Amino acid sequence: VRITPEMSGLRIAQVLAEEGMMVREGQPLAILDAASLK
């Protein structure tokens, strides 16, 4: 399963998951900076 962003040009503000982690469906993995969208 590939997790891909739908938009280009947004800075990655937070990375919430690392290799080797077990995650549940819907668990946040990363947050993009929305400043350019405001």
PDB file of all heavy atoms in Angstrom:
ATOM      1  N   VAL A   1       0.868  -1.175   0.000  1.00  0.00           N
ATOM      2  CA  VAL A   1       0.000   0.000   0.000  1.00  0.00           C
ATOM      3  C   VAL A   1       0.905   1.225   0.000  1.00  0.00           C
ATOM      4  O   VAL A   1       1.749   1.372   0.895  1.00  0.00           O
ATOM      5  CB  VAL A   1      -0.930   0.024   1.217  1.00  0.00           C
ATOM      6  CG1 VAL A   1      -1.806   1.281   1.201  1.00  0.00           C
ATOM      7  CG2 VAL A   1      -1.810  -1.228   1.246  1.00  0.00           C
ATOM      8  N   ARG A   2       0.733   2.089  -0.989  1.00  0.00           N
ATOM      9  CA  ARG A   2       1.554   3.297  -1.081  1.00  0.00           C
ATOM     10  C   ARG A   2       0.772   4.496  -0.563  1.00  0.00           C
ATOM     11  O   ARG A   2      -0.383   4.697  -0.940  1.00  0.00           O
ATOM     12  CB  ARG A   2       1.995   3.541  -2.532  1.00  0.00           C
ATOM     13  CG  ARG A   2       2.895   2.446  -3.075  1.00  0.00           C
ATOM     14  CD  ARG A   2       3.410   2.807  -4.450  1.00  0.00           C
ATOM     15  NE  ARG A   2       4.325   1.789  -4.963  1.00  0.00           N
ATOM     16  CZ  ARG A   2       5.042   1.922  -6.071  1.00  0.00           C
ATOM     17  NH1 ARG A   2       4.941   3.030  -6.795  1.00  0.00           N
ATOM     18  NH2 ARG A   2       5.859   0.953  -6.451  1.00  0.00           N
ATOM     19  N   ILE A   3       1.433   5.273   0.273  1.00  0.00           N
ATOM     20  CA  ILE A   3       0.828   6.490   0.820  1.00  0.00           C
ATOM     21  C   ILE A   3       1.426   7.670   0.068  1.00  0.00           C
ATOM     22  O   ILE A   3       2.622   7.963   0.208  1.00  0.00           O
ATOM     23  CB  ILE A   3       1.092   6.621   2.330  1.00  0.00           C
ATOM     24  CG1 ILE A   3       0.763   5.311   3.058  1.00  0.00           C
ATOM     25  CG2 ILE A   3       0.310   7.781   2.893  1.00  0.00           C
ATOM     26  CD1 ILE A   3      -0.662   4.857   2.913  1.00  0.00           C
ATOM     27  N   THR A   4       0.622   8.329  -0.756  1.00  0.00           N
ATOM     28  CA  THR A   4       1.113   9.404  -1.622  1.00  0.00           C
ATOM     29  C   THR A   4       0.318  10.678  -1.406  1.00  0.00           C
ATOM     30  O   THR A   4      -0.893  10.628  -1.151  1.00  0.00           O
ATOM     31  CB  THR A   4       1.017   8.999  -3.102  1.00  0.00           C
ATOM     32  OG1 THR A   4      -0.367   8.759  -3.428  1.00  0.00           O
ATOM     33  CG2 THR A   4       1.799   7.727  -3.382  1.00  0.00           C
ATOM     34  N   PRO A   5       0.951  11.838  -1.513  1.00  0.00           N
ATOM     35  CA  PRO A   5       0.216  13.103  -1.414  1.00  0.00           C
ATOM     36  C   PRO A   5      -0.519  13.400  -2.722  1.00  0.00           C
ATOM     37  O   PRO A   5      -0.085  12.984  -3.795  1.00  0.00           O
ATOM     38  CB  PRO A   5       1.321  14.129  -1.158  1.00  0.00           C
ATOM     39  CG  PRO A   5       2.532  13.534  -1.817  1.00  0.00           C
ATOM     40  CD  PRO A   5       2.404  12.050  -1.671  1.00  0.00           C
ATOM     41  N   GLU A   6      -1.622  14.100  -2.607  1.00  0.00           N
ATOM     42  CA  GLU A   6      -2.399  14.468  -3.788  1.00  0.00           C
ATOM     43  C   GLU A   6      -1.968  15.809  -4.361  1.00  0.00           C
ATOM     44  O   GLU A   6      -2.356  16.152  -5.480  1.00  0.00           O
ATOM     45  CB  GLU A   6      -3.888  14.513  -3.444  1.00  0.00           C
ATOM     46  CG  GLU A   6      -4.457  13.176  -2.984  1.00  0.00           C
ATOM     47  CD  GLU A   6      -5.934  13.263  -2.707  1.00  0.00           C
ATOM     48  OE1 GLU A   6      -6.529  14.334  -2.962  1.00  0.00           O
ATOM     49  OE2 GLU A   6      -6.509  12.274  -2.230  1.00  0.00           O
ATOM     50  N   MET A   7      -1.177  16.567  -3.591  1.00  0.00           N
ATOM     51  CA  MET A   7      -0.792  17.914  -4.029  1.00  0.00           C
ATOM     52  C   MET A   7       0.718  18.056  -4.063  1.00  0.00           C
ATOM     53  O   MET A   7       1.431  17.449  -3.255  1.00  0.00           O
ATOM     54  CB  MET A   7      -1.398  18.968  -3.083  1.00  0.00           C
ATOM     55  CG  MET A   7      -2.915  19.013  -3.097  1.00  0.00           C
ATOM     56  SD  MET A   7      -3.583  20.106  -1.818  1.00  0.00           S
ATOM     57  CE  MET A   7      -3.269  19.127  -0.339  1.00  0.00           C
ATOM     58  N   SER A   8       1.199  18.854  -4.976  1.00  0.00           N
ATOM     59  CA  SER A   8       2.627  19.157  -5.095  1.00  0.00           C
ATOM     60  C   SER A   8       2.932  20.493  -4.433  1.00  0.00           C
ATOM     61  O   SER A   8       2.049  21.340  -4.260  1.00  0.00           O
ATOM     62  CB  SER A   8       3.043  19.202  -6.567  1.00  0.00           C
ATOM     63  OG  SER A   8       2.853  17.957  -7.181  1.00  0.00           O
ATOM     64  N   GLY A   9       4.191  20.664  -4.073  1.00  0.00           N
ATOM     65  CA  GLY A   9       4.645  21.960  -3.593  1.00  0.00           C
ATOM     66  C   GLY A   9       4.397  22.232  -2.122  1.00  0.00           C
ATOM     67  O   GLY A   9       4.581  23.379  -1.682  1.00  0.00           O
ATOM     68  N   LEU A  10       4.002  21.221  -1.337  1.00  0.00           N
ATOM     69  CA  LEU A  10       3.765  21.437   0.088  1.00  0.00           C
ATOM     70  C   LEU A  10       4.939  20.872   0.888  1.00  0.00           C
ATOM     71  O   LEU A  10       5.403  19.763   0.631  1.00  0.00           O
ATOM     72  CB  LEU A  10       2.461  20.776   0.526  1.00  0.00           C
ATOM     73  CG  LEU A  10       1.185  21.281  -0.149  1.00  0.00           C
ATOM     74  CD1 LEU A  10      -0.034  20.587   0.433  1.00  0.00           C
ATOM     75  CD2 LEU A  10       1.057  22.797  -0.017  1.00  0.00           C
ATOM     76  N   ARG A  11       5.380  21.626   1.861  1.00  0.00           N
ATOM     77  CA  ARG A  11       6.498  21.192   2.697  1.00  0.00           C
ATOM     78  C   ARG A  11       6.018  20.174   3.726  1.00  0.00           C
ATOM     79  O   ARG A  11       4.923  20.294   4.277  1.00  0.00           O
ATOM     80  CB  ARG A  11       7.120  22.400   3.398  1.00  0.00           C
ATOM     81  CG  ARG A  11       8.393  22.083   4.169  1.00  0.00           C
ATOM     82  CD  ARG A  11       8.965  23.372   4.782  1.00  0.00           C
ATOM     83  NE  ARG A  11       8.047  23.926   5.758  1.00  0.00           N
ATOM     84  CZ  ARG A  11       7.976  23.547   7.035  1.00  0.00           C
ATOM     85  NH1 ARG A  11       8.796  22.592   7.483  1.00  0.00           N
ATOM     86  NH2 ARG A  11       7.116  24.110   7.845  1.00  0.00           N
ATOM     87  N   ILE A  12       6.837  19.158   3.975  1.00  0.00           N
ATOM     88  CA  ILE A  12       6.509  18.159   4.989  1.00  0.00           C
ATOM     89  C   ILE A  12       6.836  18.755   6.355  1.00  0.00           C
ATOM     90  O   ILE A  12       7.996  18.982   6.690  1.00  0.00           O
ATOM     91  CB  ILE A  12       7.294  16.859   4.757  1.00  0.00           C
ATOM     92  CG1 ILE A  12       6.937  16.274   3.382  1.00  0.00           C
ATOM     93  CG2 ILE A  12       6.988  15.846   5.855  1.00  0.00           C
ATOM     94  CD1 ILE A  12       7.739  15.037   3.017  1.00  0.00           C
ATOM     95  N   ALA A  13       5.790  19.014   7.154  1.00  0.00           N
ATOM     96  CA  ALA A  13       5.961  19.683   8.444  1.00  0.00           C
ATOM     97  C   ALA A  13       6.223  18.699   9.578  1.00  0.00           C
ATOM     98  O   ALA A  13       6.970  19.013  10.514  1.00  0.00           O
ATOM     99  CB  ALA A  13       4.722  20.522   8.766  1.00  0.00           C
ATOM    100  N   GLN A  14       5.617  17.514   9.521  1.00  0.00           N
ATOM    101  CA  GLN A  14       5.804  16.520  10.575  1.00  0.00           C
ATOM    102  C   GLN A  14       5.828  15.124   9.968  1.00  0.00           C
ATOM    103  O   GLN A  14       5.066  14.831   9.051  1.00  0.00           O
ATOM    104  CB  GLN A  14       4.682  16.583  11.621  1.00  0.00           C
ATOM    105  CG  GLN A  14       4.607  17.878  12.403  1.00  0.00           C
ATOM    106  CD  GLN A  14       3.517  17.827  13.462  1.00  0.00           C
ATOM    107  OE1 GLN A  14       3.449  16.901  14.274  1.00  0.00           O
ATOM    108  NE2 GLN A  14       2.656  18.829  13.441  1.00  0.00           N
ATOM    109  N   VAL A  15       6.709  14.270  10.494  1.00  0.00           N
ATOM    110  CA  VAL A  15       6.750  12.848  10.122  1.00  0.00           C
ATOM    111  C   VAL A  15       6.416  12.072  11.382  1.00  0.00           C
ATOM    112  O   VAL A  15       7.140  12.151  12.378  1.00  0.00           O
ATOM    113  CB  VAL A  15       8.128  12.446   9.573  1.00  0.00           C
ATOM    114  CG1 VAL A  15       8.149  10.955   9.243  1.00  0.00           C
ATOM    115  CG2 VAL A  15       8.456  13.258   8.324  1.00  0.00           C
ATOM    116  N   LEU A  16       5.330  11.312  11.345  1.00  0.00           N
ATOM    117  CA  LEU A  16       4.794  10.674  12.540  1.00  0.00           C
ATOM    118  C   LEU A  16       4.986   9.161  12.570  1.00  0.00           C
ATOM    119  O   LEU A  16       4.555   8.514  13.524  1.00  0.00           O
ATOM    120  CB  LEU A  16       3.294  10.993  12.663  1.00  0.00           C
ATOM    121  CG  LEU A  16       2.936  12.485  12.613  1.00  0.00           C
ATOM    122  CD1 LEU A  16       1.433  12.658  12.643  1.00  0.00           C
ATOM    123  CD2 LEU A  16       3.587  13.229  13.772  1.00  0.00           C
ATOM    124  N   ALA A  17       5.595   8.590  11.558  1.00  0.00           N
ATOM    125  CA  ALA A  17       5.773   7.134  11.501  1.00  0.00           C
ATOM    126  C   ALA A  17       7.172   6.804  11.016  1.00  0.00           C
ATOM    127  O   ALA A  17       7.756   7.538  10.214  1.00  0.00           O
ATOM    128  CB  ALA A  17       4.731   6.501  10.586  1.00  0.00           C
ATOM    129  N   GLU A  18       7.705   5.698  11.517  1.00  0.00           N
ATOM    130  CA  GLU A  18       9.039   5.252  11.157  1.00  0.00           C
ATOM    131  C   GLU A  18       8.977   3.830  10.607  1.00  0.00           C
ATOM    132  O   GLU A  18       7.991   3.115  10.802  1.00  0.00           O
ATOM    133  CB  GLU A  18       9.974   5.288  12.370  1.00  0.00           C
ATOM    134  CG  GLU A  18      10.172   6.671  12.969  1.00  0.00           C
ATOM    135  CD  GLU A  18      10.915   7.612  12.039  1.00  0.00           C
ATOM    136  OE1 GLU A  18      11.621   7.111  11.132  1.00  0.00           O
ATOM    137  OE2 GLU A  18      10.798   8.837  12.225  1.00  0.00           O
ATOM    138  N   GLU A  19      10.042   3.434   9.919  1.00  0.00           N
ATOM    139  CA  GLU A  19      10.124   2.069   9.402  1.00  0.00           C
ATOM    140  C   GLU A  19      10.068   1.065  10.553  1.00  0.00           C
ATOM    141  O   GLU A  19      10.664   1.267  11.600  1.00  0.00           O
ATOM    142  CB  GLU A  19      11.417   1.879   8.601  1.00  0.00           C
ATOM    143  CG  GLU A  19      11.452   2.665   7.309  1.00  0.00           C
ATOM    144  CD  GLU A  19      12.731   2.450   6.527  1.00  0.00           C
ATOM    145  OE1 GLU A  19      13.550   1.618   6.966  1.00  0.00           O
ATOM    146  OE2 GLU A  19      12.917   3.099   5.483  1.00  0.00           O
ATOM    147  N   GLY A  20       9.330  -0.004  10.321  1.00  0.00           N
ATOM    148  CA  GLY A  20       9.200  -1.040  11.340  1.00  0.00           C
ATOM    149  C   GLY A  20       7.991  -0.876  12.239  1.00  0.00           C
ATOM    150  O   GLY A  20       7.690  -1.771  13.034  1.00  0.00           O
ATOM    151  N   MET A  21       7.284   0.257  12.124  1.00  0.00           N
ATOM    152  CA  MET A  21       6.106   0.485  12.963  1.00  0.00           C
ATOM    153  C   MET A  21       4.886  -0.230  12.384  1.00  0.00           C
ATOM    154  O   MET A  21       4.682  -0.233  11.177  1.00  0.00           O
ATOM    155  CB  MET A  21       5.804   1.984  13.075  1.00  0.00           C
ATOM    156  CG  MET A  21       6.722   2.758  13.983  1.00  0.00           C
ATOM    157  SD  MET A  21       6.264   4.530  14.067  1.00  0.00           S
ATOM    158  CE  MET A  21       4.542   4.405  14.599  1.00  0.00           C
ATOM    159  N   MET A  22       4.090  -0.825  13.264  1.00  0.00           N
ATOM    160  CA  MET A  22       2.783  -1.331  12.881  1.00  0.00           C
ATOM    161  C   MET A  22       1.782  -0.201  13.080  1.00  0.00           C
ATOM    162  O   MET A  22       1.751   0.450  14.131  1.00  0.00           O
ATOM    163  CB  MET A  22       2.400  -2.541  13.731  1.00  0.00           C
ATOM    164  CG  MET A  22       3.206  -3.789  13.438  1.00  0.00           C
ATOM    165  SD  MET A  22       2.916  -4.458  11.772  1.00  0.00           S
ATOM    166  CE  MET A  22       1.169  -4.862  11.859  1.00  0.00           C
ATOM    167  N   VAL A  23       0.964   0.045  12.077  1.00  0.00           N
ATOM    168  CA  VAL A  23       0.000   1.141  12.138  1.00  0.00           C
ATOM    169  C   VAL A  23      -1.395   0.601  11.861  1.00  0.00           C
ATOM    170  O   VAL A  23      -1.564  -0.427  11.202  1.00  0.00           O
ATOM    171  CB  VAL A  23       0.356   2.260  11.139  1.00  0.00           C
ATOM    172  CG1 VAL A  23       1.690   2.890  11.492  1.00  0.00           C
ATOM    173  CG2 VAL A  23       0.395   1.733   9.708  1.00  0.00           C
ATOM    174  N   ARG A  24      -2.377   1.318  12.336  1.00  0.00           N
ATOM    175  CA  ARG A  24      -3.766   0.949  12.087  1.00  0.00           C
ATOM    176  C   ARG A  24      -4.305   1.782  10.931  1.00  0.00           C
ATOM    177  O   ARG A  24      -3.741   2.825  10.575  1.00  0.00           O
ATOM    178  CB  ARG A  24      -4.610   1.166  13.336  1.00  0.00           C
ATOM    179  CG  ARG A  24      -4.721   2.631  13.732  1.00  0.00           C
ATOM    180  CD  ARG A  24      -5.508   2.832  15.018  1.00  0.00           C
ATOM    181  NE  ARG A  24      -5.696   4.241  15.315  1.00  0.00           N
ATOM    182  CZ  ARG A  24      -4.802   5.013  15.903  1.00  0.00           C
ATOM    183  NH1 ARG A  24      -3.634   4.494  16.276  1.00  0.00           N
ATOM    184  NH2 ARG A  24      -5.048   6.291  16.126  1.00  0.00           N
ATOM    185  N   GLU A  25      -5.379   1.357  10.355  1.00  0.00           N
ATOM    186  CA  GLU A  25      -6.004   2.116   9.268  1.00  0.00           C
ATOM    187  C   GLU A  25      -6.472   3.466   9.795  1.00  0.00           C
ATOM    188  O   GLU A  25      -7.108   3.566  10.843  1.00  0.00           O
ATOM    189  CB  GLU A  25      -7.178   1.345   8.696  1.00  0.00           C
ATOM    190  CG  GLU A  25      -7.831   2.017   7.501  1.00  0.00           C
ATOM    191  CD  GLU A  25      -8.918   1.164   6.885  1.00  0.00           C
ATOM    192  OE1 GLU A  25      -9.120   0.017   7.337  1.00  0.00           O
ATOM    193  OE2 GLU A  25      -9.576   1.637   5.932  1.00  0.00           O
ATOM    194  N   GLY A  26      -6.120   4.532   9.069  1.00  0.00           N
ATOM    195  CA  GLY A  26      -6.500   5.878   9.473  1.00  0.00           C
ATOM    196  C   GLY A  26      -5.517   6.564  10.393  1.00  0.00           C
ATOM    197  O   GLY A  26      -5.685   7.753  10.700  1.00  0.00           O
ATOM    198  N   GLN A  27      -4.479   5.872  10.825  1.00  0.00           N
ATOM    199  CA  GLN A  27      -3.489   6.484  11.721  1.00  0.00           C
ATOM    200  C   GLN A  27      -2.674   7.529  10.975  1.00  0.00           C
ATOM    201  O   GLN A  27      -2.169   7.276   9.879  1.00  0.00           O
ATOM    202  CB  GLN A  27      -2.566   5.412  12.290  1.00  0.00           C
ATOM    203  CG  GLN A  27      -1.505   5.958  13.248  1.00  0.00           C
ATOM    204  CD  GLN A  27      -0.706   4.857  13.900  1.00  0.00           C
ATOM    205  OE1 GLN A  27      -1.179   3.732  14.041  1.00  0.00           O
ATOM    206  NE2 GLN A  27       0.516   5.159  14.316  1.00  0.00           N
ATOM    207  N   PRO A  28      -2.510   8.753  11.532  1.00  0.00           N
ATOM    208  CA  PRO A  28      -1.730   9.798  10.863  1.00  0.00           C
ATOM    209  C   PRO A  28      -0.264   9.384  10.697  1.00  0.00           C
ATOM    210  O   PRO A  28       0.343   8.858  11.624  1.00  0.00           O
ATOM    211  CB  PRO A  28      -1.869  11.002  11.792  1.00  0.00           C
ATOM    212  CG  PRO A  28      -3.095  10.731  12.607  1.00  0.00           C
ATOM    213  CD  PRO A  28      -3.146   9.244  12.772  1.00  0.00           C
ATOM    214  N   LEU A  29       0.283   9.622   9.503  1.00  0.00           N
ATOM    215  CA  LEU A  29       1.671   9.281   9.212  1.00  0.00           C
ATOM    216  C   LEU A  29       2.530  10.525   9.000  1.00  0.00           C
ATOM    217  O   LEU A  29       3.720  10.514   9.316  1.00  0.00           O
ATOM    218  CB  LEU A  29       1.743   8.391   7.970  1.00  0.00           C
ATOM    219  CG  LEU A  29       0.925   7.093   8.007  1.00  0.00           C
ATOM    220  CD1 LEU A  29       1.116   6.318   6.713  1.00  0.00           C
ATOM    221  CD2 LEU A  29       1.296   6.245   9.207  1.00  0.00           C
ATOM    222  N   ALA A  30       1.942  11.563   8.430  1.00  0.00           N
ATOM    223  CA  ALA A  30       2.697  12.799   8.176  1.00  0.00           C
ATOM    224  C   ALA A  30       1.711  13.956   8.054  1.00  0.00           C
ATOM    225  O   ALA A  30       0.537  13.761   7.717  1.00  0.00           O
ATOM    226  CB  ALA A  30       3.540  12.681   6.917  1.00  0.00           C
ATOM    227  N   ILE A  31       2.217  15.163   8.318  1.00  0.00           N
ATOM    228  CA  ILE A  31       1.409  16.378   8.186  1.00  0.00           C
ATOM    229  C   ILE A  31       2.167  17.344   7.289  1.00  0.00           C
ATOM    230  O   ILE A  31       3.370  17.576   7.471  1.00  0.00           O
ATOM    231  CB  ILE A  31       1.139  17.019   9.557  1.00  0.00           C
ATOM    232  CG1 ILE A  31       0.301  16.067  10.426  1.00  0.00           C
ATOM    233  CG2 ILE A  31       0.415  18.354   9.394  1.00  0.00           C
ATOM    234  CD1 ILE A  31       0.054  16.574  11.831  1.00  0.00           C
ATOM    235  N   LEU A  32       1.455  17.875   6.302  1.00  0.00           N
ATOM    236  CA  LEU A  32       2.041  18.826   5.360  1.00  0.00           C
ATOM    237  C   LEU A  32       1.724  20.248   5.805  1.00  0.00           C
ATOM    238  O   LEU A  32       0.680  20.516   6.402  1.00  0.00           O
ATOM    239  CB  LEU A  32       1.494  18.578   3.951  1.00  0.00           C
ATOM    240  CG  LEU A  32       1.597  17.131   3.441  1.00  0.00           C
ATOM    241  CD1 LEU A  32       1.015  17.028   2.033  1.00  0.00           C
ATOM    242  CD2 LEU A  32       3.033  16.650   3.459  1.00  0.00           C
ATOM    243  N   ASP A  33       2.631  21.149   5.495  1.00  0.00           N
ATOM    244  CA  ASP A  33       2.454  22.553   5.865  1.00  0.00           C
ATOM    245  C   ASP A  33       1.385  23.176   4.980  1.00  0.00           C
ATOM    246  O   ASP A  33       1.536  23.231   3.754  1.00  0.00           O
ATOM    247  CB  ASP A  33       3.778  23.293   5.714  1.00  0.00           C
ATOM    248  CG  ASP A  33       3.714  24.703   6.276  1.00  0.00           C
ATOM    249  OD1 ASP A  33       2.650  25.102   6.782  1.00  0.00           O
ATOM    250  OD2 ASP A  33       4.741  25.412   6.213  1.00  0.00           O
ATOM    251  N   ALA A  34       0.314  23.699   5.596  1.00  0.00           N
ATOM    252  CA  ALA A  34      -0.804  24.272   4.845  1.00  0.00           C
ATOM    253  C   ALA A  34      -0.681  25.780   4.680  1.00  0.00           C
ATOM    254  O   ALA A  34      -1.617  26.419   4.180  1.00  0.00           O
ATOM    255  CB  ALA A  34      -2.118  23.942   5.546  1.00  0.00           C
ATOM    256  N   ALA A  35       0.468  26.344   5.071  1.00  0.00           N
ATOM    257  CA  ALA A  35       0.604  27.801   5.021  1.00  0.00           C
ATOM    258  C   ALA A  35       0.397  28.341   3.612  1.00  0.00           C
ATOM    259  O   ALA A  35      -0.233  29.401   3.414  1.00  0.00           O
ATOM    260  CB  ALA A  35       1.979  28.208   5.558  1.00  0.00           C
ATOM    261  N   SER A  36       0.897  27.608   2.602  1.00  0.00           N
ATOM    262  CA  SER A  36       0.770  28.100   1.228  1.00  0.00           C
ATOM    263  C   SER A  36      -0.658  28.002   0.700  1.00  0.00           C
ATOM    264  O   SER A  36      -0.980  28.621  -0.321  1.00  0.00           O
ATOM    265  CB  SER A  36       1.710  27.307   0.309  1.00  0.00           C
ATOM    266  OG  SER A  36       1.355  25.928   0.312  1.00  0.00           O
ATOM    267  N   LEU A  37      -1.510  27.245   1.392  1.00  0.00           N
ATOM    268  CA  LEU A  37      -2.888  27.086   0.941  1.00  0.00           C
ATOM    269  C   LEU A  37      -3.828  28.113   1.569  1.00  0.00           C
ATOM    270  O   LEU A  37      -4.940  28.316   1.064  1.00  0.00           O
ATOM    271  CB  LEU A  37      -3.395  25.674   1.275  1.00  0.00           C
ATOM    272  CG  LEU A  37      -2.626  24.518   0.639  1.00  0.00           C
ATOM    273  CD1 LEU A  37      -3.202  23.191   1.109  1.00  0.00           C
ATOM    274  CD2 LEU A  37      -2.679  24.605  -0.874  1.00  0.00           C
ATOM    275  N   LYS A  38      -3.402  28.750   2.647  1.00  0.00           N
ATOM    276  CA  LYS A  38      -4.282  29.697   3.338  1.00  0.00           C
ATOM    277  C   LYS A  38      -4.648  30.906   2.481  1.00  0.00           C
ATOM    278  O   LYS A  38      -5.820  31.318   2.474  1.00  0.00           O
ATOM    279  CB  LYS A  38      -3.636  30.133   4.654  1.00  0.00           C
ATOM    280  CG  LYS A  38      -3.559  29.012   5.686  1.00  0.00           C
ATOM    281  CD  LYS A  38      -2.904  29.477   6.972  1.00  0.00           C
ATOM    282  CE  LYS A  38      -2.855  28.340   7.985  1.00  0.00           C
ATOM    283  NZ  LYS A  38      -2.199  28.745   9.257  1.00  0.00           N
TER     284      LYS A  38
END
